[in-house]
Amino acid sequence: MIEAVTPFIAFLTGIILGVIFFGGLWWTVGKGLASDRPAVWFLGSLLLRTSIVLVGFYFVQGHHWQRLVLCLVGFIVGRVLVTRYTVLPGAVQSGPAKDAIHVS
C-alpha cells in the first residue's frame, strides 16, 4: 500500500517545493525592490530557497531516481502555478492579442 502512495507523495512534495521556491522568489522581488539593501534580500533568499529545495529533493528521492523525477515534475508544476496566480501590484495583464504587432 505504501509503495502505491509514494509516487503521489513525491509528486505532491515537488509541487510544494516549487511553490515555496518560486513563491519565495516572487515575494523576494517585491521586498528587494522596496529595500535600500536589495542584495541582502536577493542573496539571502537565494541561499534559503535553494537549501530548502535541495534538502527536500534529497529526502524525497530516498535512493530511487523515479521519485526524484516525479518530484522534479511536481517542482515544474509548482512553478507554473505560482506564475499563473501571482501578479505584480499595479501590473496590467496583457494577452497575446494585445501584444501582437501586425506588419504588412
PDB file of N, CA and C in Angstrom:
ATOM      1  N   MET A   1       0.822  -1.194   0.000  1.00  0.00           N
ATOM      2  CA  MET A   1       0.000   0.000   0.000  1.00  0.00           C
ATOM      3  C   MET A   1       0.865   1.257   0.000  1.00  0.00           C
ATOM      4  N   ILE A   2       1.899   1.255   0.828  1.00  0.00           N
ATOM      5  CA  ILE A   2       2.779   2.426   0.910  1.00  0.00           C
ATOM      6  C   ILE A   2       3.468   2.668  -0.432  1.00  0.00           C
ATOM      7  N   GLU A   3       3.878   1.603  -1.103  1.00  0.00           N
ATOM      8  CA  GLU A   3       4.568   1.747  -2.383  1.00  0.00           C
ATOM      9  C   GLU A   3       3.683   2.368  -3.448  1.00  0.00           C
ATOM     10  N   ALA A   4       2.380   2.189  -3.353  1.00  0.00           N
ATOM     11  CA  ALA A   4       1.467   2.779  -4.329  1.00  0.00           C
ATOM     12  C   ALA A   4       1.271   4.268  -4.084  1.00  0.00           C
ATOM     13  N   VAL A   5       1.413   4.714  -2.849  1.00  0.00           N
ATOM     14  CA  VAL A   5       1.194   6.111  -2.495  1.00  0.00           C
ATOM     15  C   VAL A   5       2.473   6.932  -2.642  1.00  0.00           C
ATOM     16  N   THR A   6       3.625   6.307  -2.562  1.00  0.00           N
ATOM     17  CA  THR A   6       4.906   7.005  -2.582  1.00  0.00           C
ATOM     18  C   THR A   6       5.109   7.878  -3.822  1.00  0.00           C
ATOM     19  N   PRO A   7       4.787   7.430  -5.049  1.00  0.00           N
ATOM     20  CA  PRO A   7       4.948   8.323  -6.206  1.00  0.00           C
ATOM     21  C   PRO A   7       4.082   9.574  -6.102  1.00  0.00           C
ATOM     22  N   PHE A   8       2.870   9.429  -5.604  1.00  0.00           N
ATOM     23  CA  PHE A   8       1.991  10.591  -5.444  1.00  0.00           C
ATOM     24  C   PHE A   8       2.573  11.564  -4.421  1.00  0.00           C
ATOM     25  N   ILE A   9       3.112  11.039  -3.345  1.00  0.00           N
ATOM     26  CA  ILE A   9       3.714  11.898  -2.312  1.00  0.00           C
ATOM     27  C   ILE A   9       4.936  12.620  -2.881  1.00  0.00           C
ATOM     28  N   ALA A  10       5.742  11.941  -3.689  1.00  0.00           N
ATOM     29  CA  ALA A  10       6.906  12.578  -4.305  1.00  0.00           C
ATOM     30  C   ALA A  10       6.464  13.709  -5.235  1.00  0.00           C
ATOM     31  N   PHE A  11       5.430  13.472  -6.028  1.00  0.00           N
ATOM     32  CA  PHE A  11       4.904  14.489  -6.939  1.00  0.00           C
ATOM     33  C   PHE A  11       4.342  15.674  -6.157  1.00  0.00           C
ATOM     34  N   LEU A  12       3.560  15.397  -5.119  1.00  0.00           N
ATOM     35  CA  LEU A  12       2.961  16.451  -4.300  1.00  0.00           C
ATOM     36  C   LEU A  12       4.045  17.259  -3.574  1.00  0.00           C
ATOM     37  N   THR A  13       5.065  16.584  -3.085  1.00  0.00           N
ATOM     38  CA  THR A  13       6.173  17.281  -2.436  1.00  0.00           C
ATOM     39  C   THR A  13       6.896  18.184  -3.424  1.00  0.00           C
ATOM     40  N   GLY A  14       7.040  17.738  -4.665  1.00  0.00           N
ATOM     41  CA  GLY A  14       7.652  18.575  -5.702  1.00  0.00           C
ATOM     42  C   GLY A  14       6.837  19.834  -5.965  1.00  0.00           C
ATOM     43  N   ILE A  15       5.513  19.699  -5.980  1.00  0.00           N
ATOM     44  CA  ILE A  15       4.660  20.883  -6.160  1.00  0.00           C
ATOM     45  C   ILE A  15       4.865  21.851  -5.001  1.00  0.00           C
ATOM     46  N   ILE A  16       4.879  21.330  -3.794  1.00  0.00           N
ATOM     47  CA  ILE A  16       5.064  22.181  -2.610  1.00  0.00           C
ATOM     48  C   ILE A  16       6.428  22.875  -2.660  1.00  0.00           C
ATOM     49  N   LEU A  17       7.472  22.128  -3.022  1.00  0.00           N
ATOM     50  CA  LEU A  17       8.807  22.736  -3.120  1.00  0.00           C
ATOM     51  C   LEU A  17       8.850  23.800  -4.212  1.00  0.00           C
ATOM     52  N   GLY A  18       8.176  23.561  -5.329  1.00  0.00           N
ATOM     53  CA  GLY A  18       8.124  24.551  -6.408  1.00  0.00           C
ATOM     54  C   GLY A  18       7.403  25.813  -5.974  1.00  0.00           C
ATOM     55  N   VAL A  19       6.304  25.645  -5.238  1.00  0.00           N
ATOM     56  CA  VAL A  19       5.567  26.808  -4.749  1.00  0.00           C
ATOM     57  C   VAL A  19       6.413  27.580  -3.737  1.00  0.00           C
ATOM     58  N   ILE A  20       7.115  26.865  -2.878  1.00  0.00           N
ATOM     59  CA  ILE A  20       7.988  27.538  -1.905  1.00  0.00           C
ATOM     60  C   ILE A  20       9.101  28.305  -2.629  1.00  0.00           C
ATOM     61  N   PHE A  21       9.741  27.654  -3.602  1.00  0.00           N
ATOM     62  CA  PHE A  21      10.868  28.285  -4.286  1.00  0.00           C
ATOM     63  C   PHE A  21      10.424  29.494  -5.105  1.00  0.00           C
ATOM     64  N   PHE A  22       9.453  29.310  -5.978  1.00  0.00           N
ATOM     65  CA  PHE A  22       9.066  30.394  -6.873  1.00  0.00           C
ATOM     66  C   PHE A  22       8.167  31.419  -6.193  1.00  0.00           C
ATOM     67  N   GLY A  23       7.367  30.987  -5.229  1.00  0.00           N
ATOM     68  CA  GLY A  23       6.613  31.946  -4.427  1.00  0.00           C
ATOM     69  C   GLY A  23       7.544  32.802  -3.591  1.00  0.00           C
ATOM     70  N   GLY A  24       8.591  32.175  -3.053  1.00  0.00           N
ATOM     71  CA  GLY A  24       9.601  32.922  -2.310  1.00  0.00           C
ATOM     72  C   GLY A  24      10.356  33.898  -3.198  1.00  0.00           C
ATOM     73  N   LEU A  25      10.602  33.504  -4.429  1.00  0.00           N
ATOM     74  CA  LEU A  25      11.261  34.407  -5.375  1.00  0.00           C
ATOM     75  C   LEU A  25      10.376  35.611  -5.656  1.00  0.00           C
ATOM     76  N   TRP A  26       9.093  35.378  -5.885  1.00  0.00           N
ATOM     77  CA  TRP A  26       8.148  36.466  -6.140  1.00  0.00           C
ATOM     78  C   TRP A  26       8.091  37.417  -4.941  1.00  0.00           C
ATOM     79  N   TRP A  27       8.035  36.849  -3.742  1.00  0.00           N
ATOM     80  CA  TRP A  27       7.987  37.655  -2.527  1.00  0.00           C
ATOM     81  C   TRP A  27       9.288  38.447  -2.360  1.00  0.00           C
ATOM     82  N   THR A  28      10.422  37.819  -2.662  1.00  0.00           N
ATOM     83  CA  THR A  28      11.721  38.474  -2.535  1.00  0.00           C
ATOM     84  C   THR A  28      11.864  39.644  -3.498  1.00  0.00           C
ATOM     85  N   VAL A  29      11.384  39.489  -4.713  1.00  0.00           N
ATOM     86  CA  VAL A  29      11.468  40.584  -5.677  1.00  0.00           C
ATOM     87  C   VAL A  29      10.686  41.790  -5.166  1.00  0.00           C
ATOM     88  N   GLY A  30       9.507  41.553  -4.627  1.00  0.00           N
ATOM     89  CA  GLY A  30       8.722  42.652  -4.063  1.00  0.00           C
ATOM     90  C   GLY A  30       9.431  43.334  -2.909  1.00  0.00           C
ATOM     91  N   LYS A  31       9.995  42.549  -1.990  1.00  0.00           N
ATOM     92  CA  LYS A  31      10.705  43.112  -0.842  1.00  0.00           C
ATOM     93  C   LYS A  31      12.032  43.744  -1.257  1.00  0.00           C
ATOM     94  N   GLY A  32      12.729  43.096  -2.175  1.00  0.00           N
ATOM     95  CA  GLY A  32      14.044  43.588  -2.585  1.00  0.00           C
ATOM     96  C   GLY A  32      13.977  44.912  -3.329  1.00  0.00           C
ATOM     97  N   LEU A  33      12.956  45.077  -4.156  1.00  0.00           N
ATOM     98  CA  LEU A  33      12.826  46.321  -4.902  1.00  0.00           C
ATOM     99  C   LEU A  33      12.471  47.498  -3.998  1.00  0.00           C
ATOM    100  N   ALA A  34      11.799  47.230  -2.882  1.00  0.00           N
ATOM    101  CA  ALA A  34      11.405  48.294  -1.962  1.00  0.00           C
ATOM    102  C   ALA A  34      12.471  48.550  -0.892  1.00  0.00           C
ATOM    103  N   SER A  35      13.521  47.757  -0.867  1.00  0.00           N
ATOM    104  CA  SER A  35      14.539  47.850   0.180  1.00  0.00           C
ATOM    105  C   SER A  35      15.693  48.746  -0.249  1.00  0.00           C
ATOM    106  N   ASP A  36      16.403  49.318   0.751  1.00  0.00           N
ATOM    107  CA  ASP A  36      17.609  50.067   0.412  1.00  0.00           C
ATOM    108  C   ASP A  36      18.819  49.138   0.321  1.00  0.00           C
ATOM    109  N   ARG A  37      18.662  47.858   0.698  1.00  0.00           N
ATOM    110  CA  ARG A  37      19.742  46.867   0.582  1.00  0.00           C
ATOM    111  C   ARG A  37      19.209  45.623  -0.137  1.00  0.00           C
ATOM    112  N   PRO A  38      18.915  45.746  -1.423  1.00  0.00           N
ATOM    113  CA  PRO A  38      18.312  44.611  -2.146  1.00  0.00           C
ATOM    114  C   PRO A  38      19.234  43.405  -2.283  1.00  0.00           C
ATOM    115  N   ALA A  39      20.534  43.622  -2.316  1.00  0.00           N
ATOM    116  CA  ALA A  39      21.468  42.499  -2.478  1.00  0.00           C
ATOM    117  C   ALA A  39      21.344  41.519  -1.317  1.00  0.00           C
ATOM    118  N   VAL A  40      21.135  42.043  -0.121  1.00  0.00           N
ATOM    119  CA  VAL A  40      20.978  41.171   1.048  1.00  0.00           C
ATOM    120  C   VAL A  40      19.715  40.325   0.907  1.00  0.00           C
ATOM    121  N   TRP A  41      18.630  40.949   0.463  1.00  0.00           N
ATOM    122  CA  TRP A  41      17.378  40.209   0.271  1.00  0.00           C
ATOM    123  C   TRP A  41      17.545  39.112  -0.784  1.00  0.00           C
ATOM    124  N   PHE A  42      18.109  39.476  -1.921  1.00  0.00           N
ATOM    125  CA  PHE A  42      18.217  38.508  -3.010  1.00  0.00           C
ATOM    126  C   PHE A  42      19.187  37.373  -2.682  1.00  0.00           C
ATOM    127  N   LEU A  43      20.323  37.688  -2.103  1.00  0.00           N
ATOM    128  CA  LEU A  43      21.295  36.651  -1.771  1.00  0.00           C
ATOM    129  C   LEU A  43      20.776  35.746  -0.656  1.00  0.00           C
ATOM    130  N   GLY A  44      20.223  36.351   0.391  1.00  0.00           N
ATOM    131  CA  GLY A  44      19.682  35.556   1.496  1.00  0.00           C
ATOM    132  C   GLY A  44      18.548  34.655   1.049  1.00  0.00           C
ATOM    133  N   SER A  45      17.671  35.209   0.222  1.00  0.00           N
ATOM    134  CA  SER A  45      16.542  34.429  -0.278  1.00  0.00           C
ATOM    135  C   SER A  45      17.018  33.283  -1.166  1.00  0.00           C
ATOM    136  N   LEU A  46      17.988  33.564  -2.019  1.00  0.00           N
ATOM    137  CA  LEU A  46      18.514  32.526  -2.906  1.00  0.00           C
ATOM    138  C   LEU A  46      19.096  31.367  -2.104  1.00  0.00           C
ATOM    139  N   LEU A  47      19.894  31.697  -1.107  1.00  0.00           N
ATOM    140  CA  LEU A  47      20.500  30.645  -0.288  1.00  0.00           C
ATOM    141  C   LEU A  47      19.443  29.843   0.475  1.00  0.00           C
ATOM    142  N   LEU A  48      18.475  30.522   1.063  1.00  0.00           N
ATOM    143  CA  LEU A  48      17.433  29.841   1.829  1.00  0.00           C
ATOM    144  C   LEU A  48      16.550  28.975   0.928  1.00  0.00           C
ATOM    145  N   ARG A  49      16.076  29.546  -0.187  1.00  0.00           N
ATOM    146  CA  ARG A  49      15.196  28.790  -1.079  1.00  0.00           C
ATOM    147  C   ARG A  49      15.904  27.586  -1.687  1.00  0.00           C
ATOM    148  N   THR A  50      17.146  27.773  -2.118  1.00  0.00           N
ATOM    149  CA  THR A  50      17.906  26.675  -2.713  1.00  0.00           C
ATOM    150  C   THR A  50      18.176  25.580  -1.688  1.00  0.00           C
ATOM    151  N   SER A  51      18.507  25.977  -0.473  1.00  0.00           N
ATOM    152  CA  SER A  51      18.754  24.982   0.579  1.00  0.00           C
ATOM    153  C   SER A  51      17.508  24.159   0.868  1.00  0.00           C
ATOM    154  N   ILE A  52      16.370  24.812   0.982  1.00  0.00           N
ATOM    155  CA  ILE A  52      15.115  24.104   1.256  1.00  0.00           C
ATOM    156  C   ILE A  52      14.813  23.106   0.146  1.00  0.00           C
ATOM    157  N   VAL A  53      14.959  23.542  -1.096  1.00  0.00           N
ATOM    158  CA  VAL A  53      14.633  22.670  -2.234  1.00  0.00           C
ATOM    159  C   VAL A  53      15.606  21.498  -2.343  1.00  0.00           C
ATOM    160  N   LEU A  54      16.889  21.751  -2.173  1.00  0.00           N
ATOM    161  CA  LEU A  54      17.863  20.656  -2.271  1.00  0.00           C
ATOM    162  C   LEU A  54      17.674  19.626  -1.165  1.00  0.00           C
ATOM    163  N   VAL A  55      17.419  20.084   0.049  1.00  0.00           N
ATOM    164  CA  VAL A  55      17.159  19.146   1.149  1.00  0.00           C
ATOM    165  C   VAL A  55      15.879  18.365   0.877  1.00  0.00           C
ATOM    166  N   GLY A  56      14.859  19.040   0.364  1.00  0.00           N
ATOM    167  CA  GLY A  56      13.607  18.359   0.021  1.00  0.00           C
ATOM    168  C   GLY A  56      13.810  17.293  -1.036  1.00  0.00           C
ATOM    169  N   PHE A  57      14.550  17.626  -2.095  1.00  0.00           N
ATOM    170  CA  PHE A  57      14.836  16.642  -3.141  1.00  0.00           C
ATOM    171  C   PHE A  57      15.610  15.450  -2.576  1.00  0.00           C
ATOM    172  N   TYR A  58      16.566  15.730  -1.713  1.00  0.00           N
ATOM    173  CA  TYR A  58      17.384  14.659  -1.142  1.00  0.00           C
ATOM    174  C   TYR A  58      16.529  13.677  -0.343  1.00  0.00           C
ATOM    175  N   PHE A  59      15.642  14.195   0.498  1.00  0.00           N
ATOM    176  CA  PHE A  59      14.826  13.309   1.322  1.00  0.00           C
ATOM    177  C   PHE A  59      13.727  12.609   0.522  1.00  0.00           C
ATOM    178  N   VAL A  60      13.216  13.249  -0.511  1.00  0.00           N
ATOM    179  CA  VAL A  60      12.166  12.617  -1.313  1.00  0.00           C
ATOM    180  C   VAL A  60      12.732  11.468  -2.129  1.00  0.00           C
ATOM    181  N   GLN A  61      13.914  11.640  -2.679  1.00  0.00           N
ATOM    182  CA  GLN A  61      14.434  10.613  -3.588  1.00  0.00           C
ATOM    183  C   GLN A  61      14.653   9.280  -2.898  1.00  0.00           C
ATOM    184  N   GLY A  62      15.184   9.275  -1.698  1.00  0.00           N
ATOM    185  CA  GLY A  62      15.400   8.018  -0.977  1.00  0.00           C
ATOM    186  C   GLY A  62      16.121   6.963  -1.796  1.00  0.00           C
ATOM    187  N   HIS A  63      17.112   7.356  -2.583  1.00  0.00           N
ATOM    188  CA  HIS A  63      17.901   6.459  -3.434  1.00  0.00           C
ATOM    189  C   HIS A  63      17.073   5.810  -4.546  1.00  0.00           C
ATOM    190  N   HIS A  64      15.984   6.458  -4.952  1.00  0.00           N
ATOM    191  CA  HIS A  64      15.178   5.993  -6.082  1.00  0.00           C
ATOM    192  C   HIS A  64      15.071   7.145  -7.078  1.00  0.00           C
ATOM    193  N   TRP A  65      15.653   6.987  -8.246  1.00  0.00           N
ATOM    194  CA  TRP A  65      15.659   8.066  -9.219  1.00  0.00           C
ATOM    195  C   TRP A  65      14.257   8.371  -9.726  1.00  0.00           C
ATOM    196  N   GLN A  66      13.350   7.386  -9.698  1.00  0.00           N
ATOM    197  CA  GLN A  66      11.990   7.618 -10.170  1.00  0.00           C
ATOM    198  C   GLN A  66      11.273   8.653  -9.298  1.00  0.00           C
ATOM    199  N   ARG A  67      11.502   8.583  -7.982  1.00  0.00           N
ATOM    200  CA  ARG A  67      10.900   9.570  -7.076  1.00  0.00           C
ATOM    201  C   ARG A  67      11.456  10.952  -7.344  1.00  0.00           C
ATOM    202  N   LEU A  68      12.756  11.025  -7.632  1.00  0.00           N
ATOM    203  CA  LEU A  68      13.365  12.317  -7.916  1.00  0.00           C
ATOM    204  C   LEU A  68      12.772  12.924  -9.191  1.00  0.00           C
ATOM    205  N   VAL A  69      12.553  12.113 -10.194  1.00  0.00           N
ATOM    206  CA  VAL A  69      11.960  12.601 -11.439  1.00  0.00           C
ATOM    207  C   VAL A  69      10.540  13.106 -11.183  1.00  0.00           C
ATOM    208  N   LEU A  70       9.756  12.352 -10.425  1.00  0.00           N
ATOM    209  CA  LEU A  70       8.399  12.802 -10.097  1.00  0.00           C
ATOM    210  C   LEU A  70       8.417  14.094  -9.287  1.00  0.00           C
ATOM    211  N   CYS A  71       9.374  14.209  -8.394  1.00  0.00           N
ATOM    212  CA  CYS A  71       9.496  15.425  -7.592  1.00  0.00           C
ATOM    213  C   CYS A  71       9.871  16.613  -8.485  1.00  0.00           C
ATOM    214  N   LEU A  72      10.756  16.402  -9.439  1.00  0.00           N
ATOM    215  CA  LEU A  72      11.131  17.471 -10.368  1.00  0.00           C
ATOM    216  C   LEU A  72       9.961  17.887 -11.250  1.00  0.00           C
ATOM    217  N   VAL A  73       9.167  16.931 -11.691  1.00  0.00           N
ATOM    218  CA  VAL A  73       7.973  17.261 -12.478  1.00  0.00           C
ATOM    219  C   VAL A  73       6.997  18.070 -11.626  1.00  0.00           C
ATOM    220  N   GLY A  74       6.814  17.671 -10.379  1.00  0.00           N
ATOM    221  CA  GLY A  74       5.971  18.437  -9.469  1.00  0.00           C
ATOM    222  C   GLY A  74       6.519  19.829  -9.232  1.00  0.00           C
ATOM    223  N   PHE A  75       7.849  19.958  -9.158  1.00  0.00           N
ATOM    224  CA  PHE A  75       8.500  21.254  -8.988  1.00  0.00           C
ATOM    225  C   PHE A  75       8.148  22.181 -10.150  1.00  0.00           C
ATOM    226  N   ILE A  76       8.164  21.653 -11.362  1.00  0.00           N
ATOM    227  CA  ILE A  76       7.813  22.444 -12.545  1.00  0.00           C
ATOM    228  C   ILE A  76       6.336  22.828 -12.508  1.00  0.00           C
ATOM    229  N   VAL A  77       5.484  21.907 -12.068  1.00  0.00           N
ATOM    230  CA  VAL A  77       4.060  22.228 -11.924  1.00  0.00           C
ATOM    231  C   VAL A  77       3.881  23.345 -10.902  1.00  0.00           C
ATOM    232  N   GLY A  78       4.635  23.304  -9.814  1.00  0.00           N
ATOM    233  CA  GLY A  78       4.591  24.375  -8.816  1.00  0.00           C
ATOM    234  C   GLY A  78       4.990  25.708  -9.411  1.00  0.00           C
ATOM    235  N   ARG A  79       5.983  25.701 -10.281  1.00  0.00           N
ATOM    236  CA  ARG A  79       6.398  26.934 -10.959  1.00  0.00           C
ATOM    237  C   ARG A  79       5.268  27.484 -11.813  1.00  0.00           C
ATOM    238  N   VAL A  80       4.615  26.614 -12.556  1.00  0.00           N
ATOM    239  CA  VAL A  80       3.507  27.050 -13.403  1.00  0.00           C
ATOM    240  C   VAL A  80       2.380  27.637 -12.549  1.00  0.00           C
ATOM    241  N   LEU A  81       2.085  26.993 -11.433  1.00  0.00           N
ATOM    242  CA  LEU A  81       1.025  27.504 -10.547  1.00  0.00           C
ATOM    243  C   LEU A  81       1.361  28.883 -10.003  1.00  0.00           C
ATOM    244  N   VAL A  82       2.582  29.063  -9.535  1.00  0.00           N
ATOM    245  CA  VAL A  82       2.969  30.368  -8.988  1.00  0.00           C
ATOM    246  C   VAL A  82       2.970  31.423 -10.087  1.00  0.00           C
ATOM    247  N   THR A  83       3.472  31.081 -11.261  1.00  0.00           N
ATOM    248  CA  THR A  83       3.500  32.028 -12.365  1.00  0.00           C
ATOM    249  C   THR A  83       2.092  32.440 -12.779  1.00  0.00           C
ATOM    250  N   ARG A  84       1.177  31.505 -12.748  1.00  0.00           N
ATOM    251  CA  ARG A  84      -0.187  31.792 -13.163  1.00  0.00           C
ATOM    252  C   ARG A  84      -0.944  32.647 -12.144  1.00  0.00           C
ATOM    253  N   TYR A  85      -0.696  32.428 -10.860  1.00  0.00           N
ATOM    254  CA  TYR A  85      -1.518  33.070  -9.839  1.00  0.00           C
ATOM    255  C   TYR A  85      -0.868  34.254  -9.143  1.00  0.00           C
ATOM    256  N   THR A  86       0.317  34.661  -9.541  1.00  0.00           N
ATOM    257  CA  THR A  86       0.928  35.843  -8.942  1.00  0.00           C
ATOM    258  C   THR A  86       1.022  36.946  -9.983  1.00  0.00           C
ATOM    259  N   VAL A  87       0.695  38.142  -9.540  1.00  0.00           N
ATOM    260  CA  VAL A  87       0.740  39.314 -10.408  1.00  0.00           C
ATOM    261  C   VAL A  87       1.391  40.429  -9.603  1.00  0.00           C
ATOM    262  N   LEU A  88       2.243  41.198 -10.228  1.00  0.00           N
ATOM    263  CA  LEU A  88       2.824  42.339  -9.543  1.00  0.00           C
ATOM    264  C   LEU A  88       1.742  43.375  -9.268  1.00  0.00           C
ATOM    265  N   PRO A  89       1.784  44.022  -8.112  1.00  0.00           N
ATOM    266  CA  PRO A  89       0.785  45.041  -7.809  1.00  0.00           C
ATOM    267  C   PRO A  89       0.841  46.174  -8.830  1.00  0.00           C
ATOM    268  N   GLY A  90      -0.305  46.536  -9.354  1.00  0.00           N
ATOM    269  CA  GLY A  90      -0.390  47.618 -10.328  1.00  0.00           C
ATOM    270  C   GLY A  90      -0.080  47.205 -11.750  1.00  0.00           C
ATOM    271  N   ALA A  91       0.289  45.946 -11.959  1.00  0.00           N
ATOM    272  CA  ALA A  91       0.608  45.484 -13.311  1.00  0.00           C
ATOM    273  C   ALA A  91      -0.678  45.143 -14.051  1.00  0.00           C
ATOM    274  N   VAL A  92      -0.673  45.409 -15.323  1.00  0.00           N
ATOM    275  CA  VAL A  92      -1.822  45.106 -16.164  1.00  0.00           C
ATOM    276  C   VAL A  92      -1.516  43.824 -16.920  1.00  0.00           C
ATOM    277  N   GLN A  93      -2.397  42.850 -16.814  1.00  0.00           N
ATOM    278  CA  GLN A  93      -2.228  41.606 -17.550  1.00  0.00           C
ATOM    279  C   GLN A  93      -2.578  41.852 -19.010  1.00  0.00           C
ATOM    280  N   SER A  94      -1.707  41.423 -19.894  1.00  0.00           N
ATOM    281  CA  SER A  94      -1.993  41.563 -21.312  1.00  0.00           C
ATOM    282  C   SER A  94      -1.949  40.189 -21.960  1.00  0.00           C
ATOM    283  N   GLY A  95      -2.842  39.965 -22.860  1.00  0.00           N
ATOM    284  CA  GLY A  95      -2.904  38.694 -23.561  1.00  0.00           C
ATOM    285  C   GLY A  95      -2.107  38.749 -24.838  1.00  0.00           C
ATOM    286  N   PRO A  96      -2.010  37.629 -25.534  1.00  0.00           N
ATOM    287  CA  PRO A  96      -1.238  37.592 -26.783  1.00  0.00           C
ATOM    288  C   PRO A  96      -1.822  38.496 -27.857  1.00  0.00           C
ATOM    289  N   ALA A  97      -3.149  38.685 -27.863  1.00  0.00           N
ATOM    290  CA  ALA A  97      -3.759  39.513 -28.885  1.00  0.00           C
ATOM    291  C   ALA A  97      -3.390  40.979 -28.695  1.00  0.00           C
ATOM    292  N   LYS A  98      -3.227  41.421 -27.454  1.00  0.00           N
ATOM    293  CA  LYS A  98      -2.897  42.819 -27.186  1.00  0.00           C
ATOM    294  C   LYS A  98      -1.438  43.109 -27.536  1.00  0.00           C
ATOM    295  N   ASP A  99      -0.587  42.119 -27.428  1.00  0.00           N
ATOM    296  CA  ASP A  99       0.834  42.323 -27.678  1.00  0.00           C
ATOM    297  C   ASP A  99       1.243  42.077 -29.123  1.00  0.00           C
ATOM    298  N   ALA A 100       0.349  41.564 -29.925  1.00  0.00           N
ATOM    299  CA  ALA A 100       0.690  41.213 -31.288  1.00  0.00           C
ATOM    300  C   ALA A 100       0.883  42.471 -32.143  1.00  0.00           C
ATOM    301  N   ILE A 101       1.917  42.441 -32.950  1.00  0.00           N
ATOM    302  CA  ILE A 101       2.173  43.538 -33.884  1.00  0.00           C
ATOM    303  C   ILE A 101       2.043  42.939 -35.273  1.00  0.00           C
ATOM    304  N   HIS A 102       1.176  43.552 -36.062  1.00  0.00           N
ATOM    305  CA  HIS A 102       0.936  43.052 -37.409  1.00  0.00           C
ATOM    306  C   HIS A 102       1.700  43.940 -38.398  1.00  0.00           C
ATOM    307  N   VAL A 103       2.561  43.304 -39.157  1.00  0.00           N
ATOM    308  CA  VAL A 103       3.333  44.019 -40.146  1.00  0.00           C
ATOM    309  C   VAL A 103       2.813  43.646 -41.525  1.00  0.00           C
ATOM    310  N   SER A 104       2.536  44.661 -42.313  1.00  0.00           N
ATOM    311  CA  SER A 104       2.028  44.398 -43.666  1.00  0.00           C
ATOM    312  C   SER A 104       3.104  44.522 -44.684  1.00  0.00           C
TER     313      SER A 104
END
